[in-house]
Amino acid sequence: MSLAPPEAGTDAPEAPTPKNSFDRFFEITKRGSTMSREVRGGLATFFTMAYIVVLNPLILGSGVDGDGVSLSIPAIAAATALIAGLMTILMGVVGRFPLALAAGLGVNAMVAYEIAPNMTWADAMGLIVIEGVLITILVLTGLRTAVFKSVPTQLKTAIGVGIGLFLALIGLADAGFVKAGAGTVTTLSDTGSIATWPLLVFVLGLILTVILVARKVKGAILIGIFSTTVLAIIVEAIAKVGSGAENPGGWALNVPKLPALGEVVGMPDLSLLGNFNVLNSWSRAGWLVVLMFVFTLLITDFFDTMGTMVAVGQEGGMLDENGTPPRSKEILLVDSIAAAAGGMGGVSSNTSFIESAAGVGEGARTGVANLVTGFLFLLAMFLAPLTAIVPFEAASTALVVVGFLMMLGVKSIDWDDYEIGIPAFLTIIIMPFTYSISNGIGVGIISYVAIKMAKGKFRDVHALLYGVAVLFCLYFARGPIESLFS
């Protein structure tokens, strides 16, 4: 690289000048963003993932531990909002990347229905802390970053595309537009038609959001969420639809109605904080069970975040020529700390949320958006009823639209090269079909390594990728391995 000054008469490109120290720290101008875009992005991210404050307590609260004890739902809700707010702000300040964090779906179900029944809740949270500490060590030693960089660029692109499809499917499923069918994998709603008020609200909201996005209206996704929520509140006030838990045609999770003034504010119950034990689980459940639980948690967190940050960075055009987002080590470090923090807070492992792409779709490019999202999560501790106003049918419109935006990366994959095209294809389809980001990444990496080895191109594969492929083989075969030693 030449260090000679530009020749006379030529114009050297100048970096944008930051407006102030805040701008300089978060690189707002440098990344082509503005404060208004960051605020809109932070709002959009919060409203697309605020459901976790309601859903995580329902999942963890529905399980019982080995002693038959269940957790307090209000306490889970308060701690969920607190840890999500703190970790999201930490990501904004340290990672300076628009990636929000909260209790991870999938992991919380594993905790409630597989891990906790074998021990106490404190023991189960202790395993989360152990997993978080281990993954933090992997980041500090550089191994997690090195593994990330060893994945081929086009395979990283495929991961982002696959997550886009996965995100769209989550939106369609959460809204009830897609259901598991009898004799088929999925079907259109329960009846094969738009037969309920909530489903009609979702469809109308999706059409509105798509039109706004196509017309490039600023704040299109956020406008779509708010407009659909207002429509949902009006429909509920007139039709009295009620909860889907009480009738098949009801709203999914949240019933959109304004709470009474006296029910809006309340002091949070933070009794779960510090409710963890890192030692007792080994004697209670046995070393093999504990080892497999920790390994499964580790693999899930390790690769889910890699895929998520690539997808979010890809959506915002923030990746370098190797498909790596800025400050990737700091991003992975905060995510690892969040896993342990979730265990210490008694609410399961916290991880990066792909719903952050909704904020990026609104223009967020820096950690400032996280400050907005994190503040709203902290506020949600005291204003829990307000987080329950937005139904899935309104928030899910954003997920479907963002899924489309993330699909655009499929153009950069060389489909004529089967050595990368087949692994990319498998990565993309496995994620939505198995409802797992880790499964898609695992199948993609294993197939990529297998094809390269079959063609004798051993040197084309990074040494670390061979180890990753072996670990994923063990991950997929954990059932037979457990039965072999039990």
Protein backbone atom coordinates (compact mmCIF):
# COMPACT_ATOMS: atom_id res chain seq x y z
CA MET A 1 0.00 0.00 0.00
CA SER A 2 1.54 3.34 -1.07
CA LEU A 3 1.95 6.05 1.53
CA ALA A 4 2.82 8.75 -1.00
CA PRO A 5 0.64 11.88 -0.93
CA PRO A 6 -1.90 12.37 -3.74
CA GLU A 7 -0.57 14.00 -6.87
CA ALA A 8 -1.16 17.70 -7.36
CA GLY A 9 -4.46 18.45 -8.99
CA THR A 10 -6.16 15.27 -7.74
CA ASP A 11 -8.89 15.15 -5.11
CA ALA A 12 -8.33 12.63 -2.32
CA PRO A 13 -11.52 11.27 -0.80
CA GLU A 14 -12.25 12.87 2.54
CA ALA A 15 -13.84 11.08 5.46
CA PRO A 16 -17.07 12.69 6.70
CA THR A 17 -16.47 15.12 9.53
CA PRO A 18 -18.12 14.11 12.85
CA LYS A 19 -20.44 16.74 14.31
CA ASN A 20 -19.27 16.23 17.91
CA SER A 21 -17.57 13.74 20.26
CA PHE A 22 -20.76 11.68 20.60
CA ASP A 23 -20.93 11.40 16.81
CA ARG A 24 -17.21 10.53 16.67
CA PHE A 25 -17.50 7.81 19.33
CA PHE A 26 -20.47 6.06 17.73
CA GLU A 27 -19.38 6.85 14.14
CA ILE A 28 -22.87 8.09 13.24
CA THR A 29 -21.80 10.32 10.35
CA LYS A 30 -19.02 7.95 9.28
CA ARG A 31 -21.53 5.15 8.76
CA GLY A 32 -23.89 7.42 6.86
CA SER A 33 -26.55 7.60 9.57
CA THR A 34 -28.32 10.33 11.53
CA MET A 35 -29.73 10.62 15.04
CA SER A 36 -33.30 10.46 13.74
CA ARG A 37 -32.57 7.24 11.85
CA GLU A 38 -30.91 5.73 14.93
CA VAL A 39 -33.90 6.63 17.13
CA ARG A 40 -36.35 5.20 14.58
CA GLY A 41 -34.23 2.07 14.31
CA GLY A 42 -34.07 1.66 18.09
CA LEU A 43 -37.85 2.01 18.36
CA ALA A 44 -38.45 -0.50 15.56
CA THR A 45 -36.12 -3.05 17.13
CA PHE A 46 -37.78 -2.71 20.53
CA PHE A 47 -41.30 -3.12 19.22
CA THR A 48 -40.36 -6.18 17.14
CA MET A 49 -38.78 -7.94 20.12
CA ALA A 50 -40.68 -6.50 23.12
CA TYR A 51 -42.70 -9.72 23.06
CA ILE A 52 -39.81 -11.43 24.86
CA VAL A 53 -40.79 -9.61 28.08
CA VAL A 54 -44.11 -11.47 27.90
CA LEU A 55 -43.06 -14.70 26.18
CA ASN A 56 -39.98 -15.58 28.24
CA PRO A 57 -42.00 -15.62 31.52
CA LEU A 58 -44.64 -17.81 29.86
CA ILE A 59 -42.00 -20.33 28.72
CA LEU A 60 -39.89 -20.42 31.88
CA GLY A 61 -42.91 -20.08 34.16
CA SER A 62 -44.65 -23.07 32.59
CA GLY A 63 -41.83 -25.43 33.57
CA VAL A 64 -40.94 -26.95 36.93
CA ASP A 65 -37.54 -27.97 38.24
CA GLY A 66 -36.50 -31.32 39.72
CA ASP A 67 -38.08 -30.37 43.03
CA GLY A 68 -41.40 -29.42 41.41
CA VAL A 69 -40.80 -25.69 41.91
CA SER A 70 -41.90 -23.13 39.30
CA LEU A 71 -40.77 -19.51 38.94
CA SER A 72 -42.79 -16.35 39.56
CA ILE A 73 -43.96 -14.94 36.21
CA PRO A 74 -43.82 -11.25 37.33
CA ALA A 75 -40.27 -11.80 38.61
CA ILE A 76 -39.21 -13.40 35.30
CA ALA A 77 -40.75 -10.52 33.34
CA ALA A 78 -38.94 -7.86 35.39
CA ALA A 79 -35.57 -9.64 35.24
CA THR A 80 -36.01 -10.35 31.52
CA ALA A 81 -36.50 -6.65 30.80
CA LEU A 82 -33.63 -5.62 33.10
CA ILE A 83 -30.99 -7.96 31.65
CA ALA A 84 -32.13 -7.26 28.08
CA GLY A 85 -31.89 -3.50 28.67
CA LEU A 86 -28.45 -3.61 30.30
CA MET A 87 -26.93 -6.00 27.75
CA THR A 88 -28.41 -4.11 24.78
CA ILE A 89 -26.94 -0.85 26.08
CA LEU A 90 -23.60 -2.60 26.70
CA MET A 91 -23.59 -3.80 23.09
CA GLY A 92 -24.30 -0.26 21.94
CA VAL A 93 -21.43 1.23 23.95
CA VAL A 94 -18.81 -1.52 23.51
CA GLY A 95 -19.78 -3.17 20.21
CA ARG A 96 -21.23 0.09 18.76
CA PHE A 97 -23.36 -2.09 16.52
CA PRO A 98 -27.19 -2.05 16.22
CA LEU A 99 -27.65 -5.53 17.69
CA ALA A 100 -30.08 -5.88 20.61
CA LEU A 101 -29.97 -8.74 23.10
CA ALA A 102 -32.52 -10.57 25.25
CA ALA A 103 -33.32 -14.04 26.58
CA GLY A 104 -32.84 -16.43 23.67
CA LEU A 105 -35.80 -18.38 22.35
CA GLY A 106 -35.05 -22.06 21.98
CA VAL A 107 -32.50 -21.95 24.78
CA ASN A 108 -35.18 -20.87 27.28
CA ALA A 109 -37.40 -23.76 26.18
CA MET A 110 -34.47 -26.15 26.60
CA VAL A 111 -33.93 -24.77 30.10
CA ALA A 112 -37.60 -25.07 31.07
CA TYR A 113 -38.37 -28.50 29.63
CA GLU A 114 -35.03 -30.36 29.46
CA ILE A 115 -32.46 -28.93 31.87
CA ALA A 116 -34.41 -27.67 34.91
CA PRO A 117 -36.43 -30.89 35.43
CA ASN A 118 -33.10 -32.66 36.12
CA MET A 119 -32.00 -30.24 38.84
CA THR A 120 -33.09 -27.03 40.60
CA TRP A 121 -33.69 -23.69 38.83
CA ALA A 122 -30.55 -22.32 40.49
CA ASP A 123 -28.54 -25.26 39.13
CA ALA A 124 -29.96 -24.75 35.64
CA MET A 125 -29.01 -21.07 35.73
CA GLY A 126 -25.57 -22.13 36.96
CA LEU A 127 -25.07 -24.11 33.75
CA ILE A 128 -25.99 -21.00 31.76
CA VAL A 129 -23.34 -19.06 33.68
CA ILE A 130 -20.75 -21.80 33.01
CA GLU A 131 -21.57 -21.76 29.31
CA GLY A 132 -21.33 -17.97 29.22
CA VAL A 133 -17.94 -17.98 30.95
CA LEU A 134 -16.60 -20.64 28.56
CA ILE A 135 -17.74 -18.75 25.48
CA THR A 136 -16.28 -15.53 26.89
CA ILE A 137 -12.92 -17.29 27.28
CA LEU A 138 -13.15 -18.41 23.64
CA VAL A 139 -13.63 -14.78 22.59
CA LEU A 140 -10.79 -13.44 24.75
CA THR A 141 -8.39 -16.07 23.39
CA GLY A 142 -9.39 -15.11 19.85
CA LEU A 143 -10.73 -18.56 18.98
CA ARG A 144 -14.34 -17.49 18.42
CA THR A 145 -13.27 -14.66 16.12
CA ALA A 146 -10.85 -16.95 14.28
CA VAL A 147 -13.57 -19.53 13.68
CA PHE A 148 -15.86 -16.82 12.37
CA LYS A 149 -13.20 -15.61 9.92
CA SER A 150 -12.52 -19.18 8.74
CA VAL A 151 -16.03 -19.48 7.24
CA PRO A 152 -15.99 -18.67 3.47
CA THR A 153 -17.47 -15.28 2.59
CA GLN A 154 -20.20 -16.70 0.32
CA LEU A 155 -21.23 -19.14 3.05
CA LYS A 156 -21.55 -16.18 5.43
CA THR A 157 -23.79 -14.54 2.84
CA ALA A 158 -25.90 -17.71 2.68
CA ILE A 159 -26.22 -17.61 6.48
CA GLY A 160 -27.68 -14.10 6.23
CA VAL A 161 -30.09 -15.13 3.48
CA GLY A 162 -31.16 -18.22 5.44
CA ILE A 163 -31.82 -16.11 8.52
CA GLY A 164 -33.92 -13.81 6.34
CA LEU A 165 -36.15 -16.72 5.34
CA PHE A 166 -36.19 -17.92 8.95
CA LEU A 167 -37.20 -14.46 10.12
CA ALA A 168 -40.01 -14.27 7.56
CA LEU A 169 -41.27 -17.70 8.66
CA ILE A 170 -41.18 -16.62 12.31
CA GLY A 171 -43.28 -13.57 11.40
CA LEU A 172 -45.80 -15.61 9.43
CA ALA A 173 -46.01 -18.26 12.16
CA ASP A 174 -46.28 -15.78 15.05
CA ALA A 175 -49.13 -14.02 13.23
CA GLY A 176 -50.92 -17.34 12.65
CA PHE A 177 -50.69 -17.00 8.85
CA VAL A 178 -48.67 -20.24 8.71
CA LYS A 179 -49.60 -23.26 10.83
CA ALA A 180 -48.41 -26.81 11.16
CA GLY A 181 -50.71 -28.87 8.92
CA ALA A 182 -52.10 -32.38 9.08
CA GLY A 183 -50.44 -34.36 6.31
CA THR A 184 -48.40 -31.32 5.23
CA VAL A 185 -45.51 -29.48 6.85
CA THR A 186 -47.38 -26.17 6.95
CA THR A 187 -50.67 -24.73 5.82
CA LEU A 188 -52.38 -21.35 5.49
CA SER A 189 -53.83 -20.72 8.98
CA ASP A 190 -55.98 -23.38 10.65
CA THR A 191 -58.70 -23.22 8.02
CA GLY A 192 -56.71 -22.58 4.84
CA SER A 193 -58.14 -19.05 4.61
CA ILE A 194 -58.10 -15.67 6.32
CA ALA A 195 -60.94 -16.51 8.65
CA THR A 196 -60.17 -14.51 11.80
CA TRP A 197 -59.94 -10.84 12.72
CA PRO A 198 -56.31 -11.06 13.94
CA LEU A 199 -55.22 -12.69 10.70
CA LEU A 200 -57.00 -10.02 8.66
CA VAL A 201 -55.30 -7.31 10.71
CA PHE A 202 -51.92 -8.92 10.01
CA VAL A 203 -52.57 -9.14 6.26
CA LEU A 204 -53.73 -5.51 6.07
CA GLY A 205 -50.75 -4.39 8.13
CA LEU A 206 -48.35 -6.35 5.94
CA ILE A 207 -49.84 -4.83 2.76
CA LEU A 208 -49.51 -1.34 4.24
CA THR A 209 -45.90 -1.95 5.31
CA VAL A 210 -44.94 -3.43 1.93
CA ILE A 211 -46.41 -0.41 0.13
CA LEU A 212 -44.56 2.01 2.43
CA VAL A 213 -41.27 0.15 1.93
CA ALA A 214 -41.76 0.01 -1.86
CA ARG A 215 -42.39 3.76 -1.89
CA LYS A 216 -39.25 4.22 0.27
CA VAL A 217 -41.14 6.10 2.99
CA LYS A 218 -38.91 6.99 5.94
CA GLY A 219 -39.91 5.01 9.01
CA ALA A 220 -41.93 2.57 6.87
CA ILE A 221 -41.47 -0.43 9.18
CA LEU A 222 -42.16 1.54 12.35
CA ILE A 223 -45.20 3.21 10.78
CA GLY A 224 -46.44 -0.24 9.78
CA ILE A 225 -46.12 -1.56 13.35
CA PHE A 226 -47.88 1.44 14.92
CA SER A 227 -50.64 1.58 12.29
CA THR A 228 -51.35 -2.14 12.57
CA THR A 229 -51.40 -1.88 16.38
CA VAL A 230 -53.94 0.96 16.24
CA LEU A 231 -56.08 -1.10 13.85
CA ALA A 232 -55.79 -4.10 16.18
CA ILE A 233 -56.90 -2.02 19.20
CA ILE A 234 -59.93 -0.76 17.24
CA VAL A 235 -60.83 -4.28 16.08
CA GLU A 236 -60.52 -5.66 19.60
CA ALA A 237 -62.67 -2.85 21.01
CA ILE A 238 -65.43 -3.60 18.50
CA ALA A 239 -65.24 -7.37 17.94
CA LYS A 240 -64.04 -8.46 21.42
CA VAL A 241 -61.81 -11.13 19.89
CA GLY A 242 -59.89 -12.04 23.06
CA SER A 243 -56.82 -14.20 23.60
CA GLY A 244 -55.81 -17.10 21.38
CA ALA A 245 -55.23 -19.10 24.54
CA GLU A 246 -58.98 -18.95 25.16
CA ASN A 247 -60.26 -19.42 21.59
CA PRO A 248 -58.68 -20.54 18.28
CA GLY A 249 -59.47 -17.26 16.53
CA GLY A 250 -57.97 -14.99 19.18
CA TRP A 251 -54.88 -12.81 19.24
CA ALA A 252 -51.48 -14.49 19.52
CA LEU A 253 -49.85 -13.78 22.92
CA ASN A 254 -50.90 -10.12 23.41
CA VAL A 255 -54.48 -8.83 23.33
CA PRO A 256 -54.27 -5.28 21.90
CA LYS A 257 -56.16 -3.10 24.35
CA LEU A 258 -55.13 -0.08 26.37
CA PRO A 259 -54.66 -0.88 30.07
CA ALA A 260 -56.37 1.10 32.80
CA LEU A 261 -54.36 4.08 34.05
CA GLY A 262 -53.81 2.47 37.44
CA GLU A 263 -52.32 -0.66 35.83
CA VAL A 264 -49.66 1.06 33.73
CA VAL A 265 -46.91 1.58 36.32
CA GLY A 266 -45.68 -0.87 38.96
CA MET A 267 -42.50 -1.65 40.89
CA PRO A 268 -40.57 -4.57 39.35
CA ASP A 269 -39.97 -7.81 41.24
CA LEU A 270 -36.20 -8.45 40.99
CA SER A 271 -36.06 -11.41 43.40
CA LEU A 272 -34.54 -13.73 40.74
CA LEU A 273 -31.29 -11.77 40.46
CA GLY A 274 -28.38 -13.87 41.72
CA ASN A 275 -30.45 -17.06 41.87
CA PHE A 276 -27.85 -19.43 40.40
CA ASN A 277 -25.58 -22.27 41.54
CA VAL A 278 -22.63 -23.45 39.42
CA LEU A 279 -21.65 -26.58 41.38
CA ASN A 280 -24.64 -28.61 42.51
CA SER A 281 -25.90 -29.67 39.05
CA TRP A 282 -22.97 -32.06 38.49
CA SER A 283 -23.90 -34.26 41.46
CA ARG A 284 -27.66 -33.85 40.95
CA ALA A 285 -27.96 -34.74 37.24
CA GLY A 286 -24.70 -36.59 36.55
CA TRP A 287 -21.60 -35.42 34.68
CA LEU A 288 -22.67 -36.74 31.26
CA VAL A 289 -26.06 -35.03 31.27
CA VAL A 290 -24.52 -31.76 32.46
CA LEU A 291 -21.69 -32.00 29.90
CA MET A 292 -24.11 -32.53 27.01
CA PHE A 293 -26.33 -29.67 28.19
CA VAL A 294 -23.36 -27.28 28.39
CA PHE A 295 -22.06 -28.46 25.00
CA THR A 296 -25.47 -27.95 23.37
CA LEU A 297 -25.83 -24.47 24.91
CA LEU A 298 -22.29 -23.60 23.85
CA ILE A 299 -22.74 -24.66 20.21
CA THR A 300 -26.11 -22.89 19.97
CA ASP A 301 -24.85 -19.57 21.36
CA PHE A 302 -21.48 -19.81 19.58
CA PHE A 303 -22.90 -19.97 16.07
CA ASP A 304 -26.31 -18.30 16.42
CA THR A 305 -24.68 -14.97 17.15
CA MET A 306 -22.19 -15.33 14.30
CA GLY A 307 -25.05 -15.82 11.87
CA THR A 308 -27.11 -13.05 13.43
CA MET A 309 -24.43 -10.37 13.32
CA VAL A 310 -23.58 -11.25 9.72
CA ALA A 311 -27.24 -11.04 8.73
CA VAL A 312 -27.74 -7.69 10.48
CA GLY A 313 -24.50 -6.31 9.06
CA GLN A 314 -25.44 -7.56 5.61
CA GLU A 315 -28.84 -5.88 5.83
CA GLY A 316 -27.19 -2.55 6.68
CA GLY A 317 -24.29 -2.84 4.22
CA MET A 318 -21.83 -2.84 7.13
CA LEU A 319 -19.70 -5.88 6.22
CA ASP A 320 -16.16 -5.66 4.84
CA GLU A 321 -14.88 -7.59 1.83
CA ASN A 322 -14.55 -10.73 3.99
CA GLY A 323 -18.13 -10.56 5.22
CA THR A 324 -17.10 -9.34 8.68
CA PRO A 325 -18.91 -6.54 10.56
CA PRO A 326 -16.96 -3.74 12.30
CA ARG A 327 -15.72 -4.44 15.85
CA SER A 328 -16.62 -8.11 15.51
CA LYS A 329 -14.52 -9.16 18.52
CA GLU A 330 -16.27 -6.62 20.76
CA ILE A 331 -19.68 -7.75 19.45
CA LEU A 332 -18.89 -11.40 20.24
CA LEU A 333 -17.49 -10.46 23.66
CA VAL A 334 -20.63 -8.61 24.75
CA ASP A 335 -22.81 -11.44 23.45
CA SER A 336 -20.77 -13.93 25.50
CA ILE A 337 -21.04 -11.80 28.64
CA ALA A 338 -24.79 -11.57 28.04
CA ALA A 339 -25.08 -15.37 28.12
CA ALA A 340 -23.58 -15.45 31.62
CA ALA A 341 -25.58 -12.38 32.68
CA GLY A 342 -28.81 -14.15 31.72
CA GLY A 343 -27.91 -17.00 34.05
CA MET A 344 -26.98 -14.64 36.87
CA GLY A 345 -30.29 -12.85 36.38
CA GLY A 346 -32.25 -16.11 36.50
CA VAL A 347 -33.82 -15.65 33.04
CA SER A 348 -31.79 -18.00 30.81
CA SER A 349 -29.02 -17.18 28.35
CA ASN A 350 -29.25 -13.77 26.67
CA THR A 351 -28.18 -13.59 23.06
CA SER A 352 -28.30 -11.34 20.00
CA PHE A 353 -31.74 -11.05 18.41
CA ILE A 354 -32.21 -11.25 14.66
CA GLU A 355 -35.19 -8.91 15.10
CA SER A 356 -32.51 -6.20 15.29
CA ALA A 357 -32.64 -6.31 11.49
CA ALA A 358 -35.96 -4.47 11.74
CA GLY A 359 -34.11 -1.52 13.26
CA VAL A 360 -31.42 -1.70 10.60
CA GLY A 361 -34.19 -1.73 8.01
CA GLU A 362 -35.30 1.59 9.55
CA GLY A 363 -31.82 3.05 9.09
CA ALA A 364 -29.95 2.13 12.30
CA ARG A 365 -26.20 1.69 11.70
CA THR A 366 -24.62 2.32 15.09
CA GLY A 367 -24.87 1.55 18.78
CA VAL A 368 -27.03 4.63 19.35
CA ALA A 369 -30.06 2.60 18.29
CA ASN A 370 -29.18 0.17 21.09
CA LEU A 371 -29.27 2.98 23.64
CA VAL A 372 -32.88 3.65 22.60
CA THR A 373 -33.86 -0.04 22.59
CA GLY A 374 -32.09 -0.71 25.89
CA PHE A 375 -33.69 2.29 27.60
CA LEU A 376 -37.14 1.09 26.50
CA PHE A 377 -36.42 -2.37 27.92
CA LEU A 378 -35.45 -0.81 31.26
CA LEU A 379 -38.62 1.26 31.12
CA ALA A 380 -40.58 -1.93 30.43
CA MET A 381 -39.70 -3.15 33.94
CA PHE A 382 -42.01 -0.46 35.29
CA LEU A 383 -44.43 -0.30 32.35
CA ALA A 384 -45.01 -3.99 31.72
CA PRO A 385 -48.66 -3.54 30.64
CA LEU A 386 -47.61 -1.22 27.79
CA THR A 387 -45.32 -3.89 26.31
CA ALA A 388 -48.37 -6.12 25.97
CA ILE A 389 -50.29 -3.70 23.75
CA VAL A 390 -48.51 -4.62 20.50
CA PRO A 391 -49.79 -8.04 19.32
CA PHE A 392 -47.73 -10.50 17.29
CA GLU A 393 -50.01 -9.72 14.36
CA ALA A 394 -48.65 -6.15 14.29
CA ALA A 395 -44.97 -6.76 15.10
CA SER A 396 -44.73 -9.70 12.70
CA THR A 397 -45.29 -7.48 9.67
CA ALA A 398 -41.79 -6.07 10.24
CA LEU A 399 -40.23 -9.54 10.38
CA VAL A 400 -41.69 -10.55 7.02
CA VAL A 401 -40.56 -7.36 5.29
CA VAL A 402 -37.07 -7.56 6.79
CA GLY A 403 -36.91 -11.18 5.63
CA PHE A 404 -37.35 -9.92 2.07
CA LEU A 405 -34.65 -7.28 2.50
CA MET A 406 -32.20 -9.90 3.79
CA MET A 407 -32.95 -12.19 0.85
CA LEU A 408 -31.34 -9.67 -1.49
CA GLY A 409 -27.89 -11.05 -0.59
CA VAL A 410 -28.64 -14.24 -2.53
CA LYS A 411 -27.49 -12.44 -5.69
CA SER A 412 -23.85 -12.48 -4.59
CA ILE A 413 -23.61 -16.28 -4.27
CA ASP A 414 -22.01 -18.09 -7.23
CA TRP A 415 -24.65 -20.75 -7.88
CA ASP A 416 -22.69 -22.12 -10.85
CA ASP A 417 -19.97 -23.26 -8.43
CA TYR A 418 -21.52 -26.35 -6.82
CA GLU A 419 -18.73 -26.51 -4.20
CA ILE A 420 -20.18 -23.38 -2.57
CA GLY A 421 -23.66 -23.39 -4.13
CA ILE A 422 -24.79 -26.66 -2.54
CA PRO A 423 -23.60 -25.79 1.01
CA ALA A 424 -25.16 -22.33 0.58
CA PHE A 425 -28.46 -23.87 -0.54
CA LEU A 426 -28.51 -26.29 2.41
CA THR A 427 -27.67 -23.49 4.85
CA ILE A 428 -30.51 -21.35 3.52
CA ILE A 429 -33.23 -24.02 3.58
CA ILE A 430 -32.28 -25.84 6.80
CA MET A 431 -32.69 -22.74 8.99
CA PRO A 432 -36.41 -22.12 8.34
CA PHE A 433 -37.25 -25.81 7.88
CA THR A 434 -35.75 -26.82 11.24
CA TYR A 435 -36.48 -23.51 13.00
CA SER A 436 -32.81 -23.21 14.01
CA ILE A 437 -29.97 -20.95 12.93
CA SER A 438 -27.37 -23.33 14.37
CA ASN A 439 -28.72 -26.30 12.43
CA GLY A 440 -28.44 -24.37 9.17
CA ILE A 441 -24.88 -23.25 9.88
CA GLY A 442 -23.90 -26.77 10.94
CA VAL A 443 -25.29 -28.49 7.85
CA GLY A 444 -23.73 -25.83 5.62
CA ILE A 445 -20.26 -26.19 7.14
CA ILE A 446 -20.35 -30.01 7.21
CA SER A 447 -21.45 -30.20 3.56
CA TYR A 448 -18.84 -27.61 2.49
CA VAL A 449 -16.01 -29.54 4.19
CA ALA A 450 -17.29 -32.90 2.89
CA ILE A 451 -17.47 -31.68 -0.73
CA LYS A 452 -14.00 -30.13 -0.60
CA MET A 453 -12.54 -33.32 0.90
CA ALA A 454 -14.31 -35.51 -1.68
CA LYS A 455 -12.72 -33.45 -4.46
CA GLY A 456 -9.29 -33.59 -2.84
CA LYS A 457 -9.18 -29.85 -2.15
CA PHE A 458 -8.08 -30.19 1.45
CA ARG A 459 -6.07 -26.96 1.42
CA ASP A 460 -9.12 -24.93 0.41
CA VAL A 461 -10.59 -25.53 3.86
CA HIS A 462 -9.31 -23.54 6.82
CA ALA A 463 -7.87 -25.84 9.52
CA LEU A 464 -10.33 -24.50 12.11
CA LEU A 465 -13.26 -25.38 9.85
CA TYR A 466 -12.38 -29.08 10.06
CA GLY A 467 -12.65 -28.87 13.84
CA VAL A 468 -15.94 -26.99 13.60
CA ALA A 469 -17.34 -29.65 11.25
CA VAL A 470 -16.40 -32.38 13.73
CA LEU A 471 -18.04 -30.49 16.59
CA PHE A 472 -21.24 -30.10 14.58
CA CYS A 473 -21.20 -33.84 13.81
CA LEU A 474 -21.06 -34.46 17.56
CA TYR A 475 -23.79 -31.87 18.08
CA PHE A 476 -26.17 -33.60 15.65
CA ALA A 477 -25.30 -37.03 17.08
CA ARG A 478 -25.70 -36.05 20.74
CA GLY A 479 -28.78 -38.26 21.17
CA PRO A 480 -27.02 -41.54 20.27
CA ILE A 481 -23.93 -40.41 22.22
CA GLU A 482 -26.02 -39.83 25.35
CA SER A 483 -27.72 -43.22 25.03
CA LEU A 484 -24.35 -44.89 24.51
CA PHE A 485 -23.01 -43.70 27.88
CA SER A 486 -26.26 -43.82 29.86
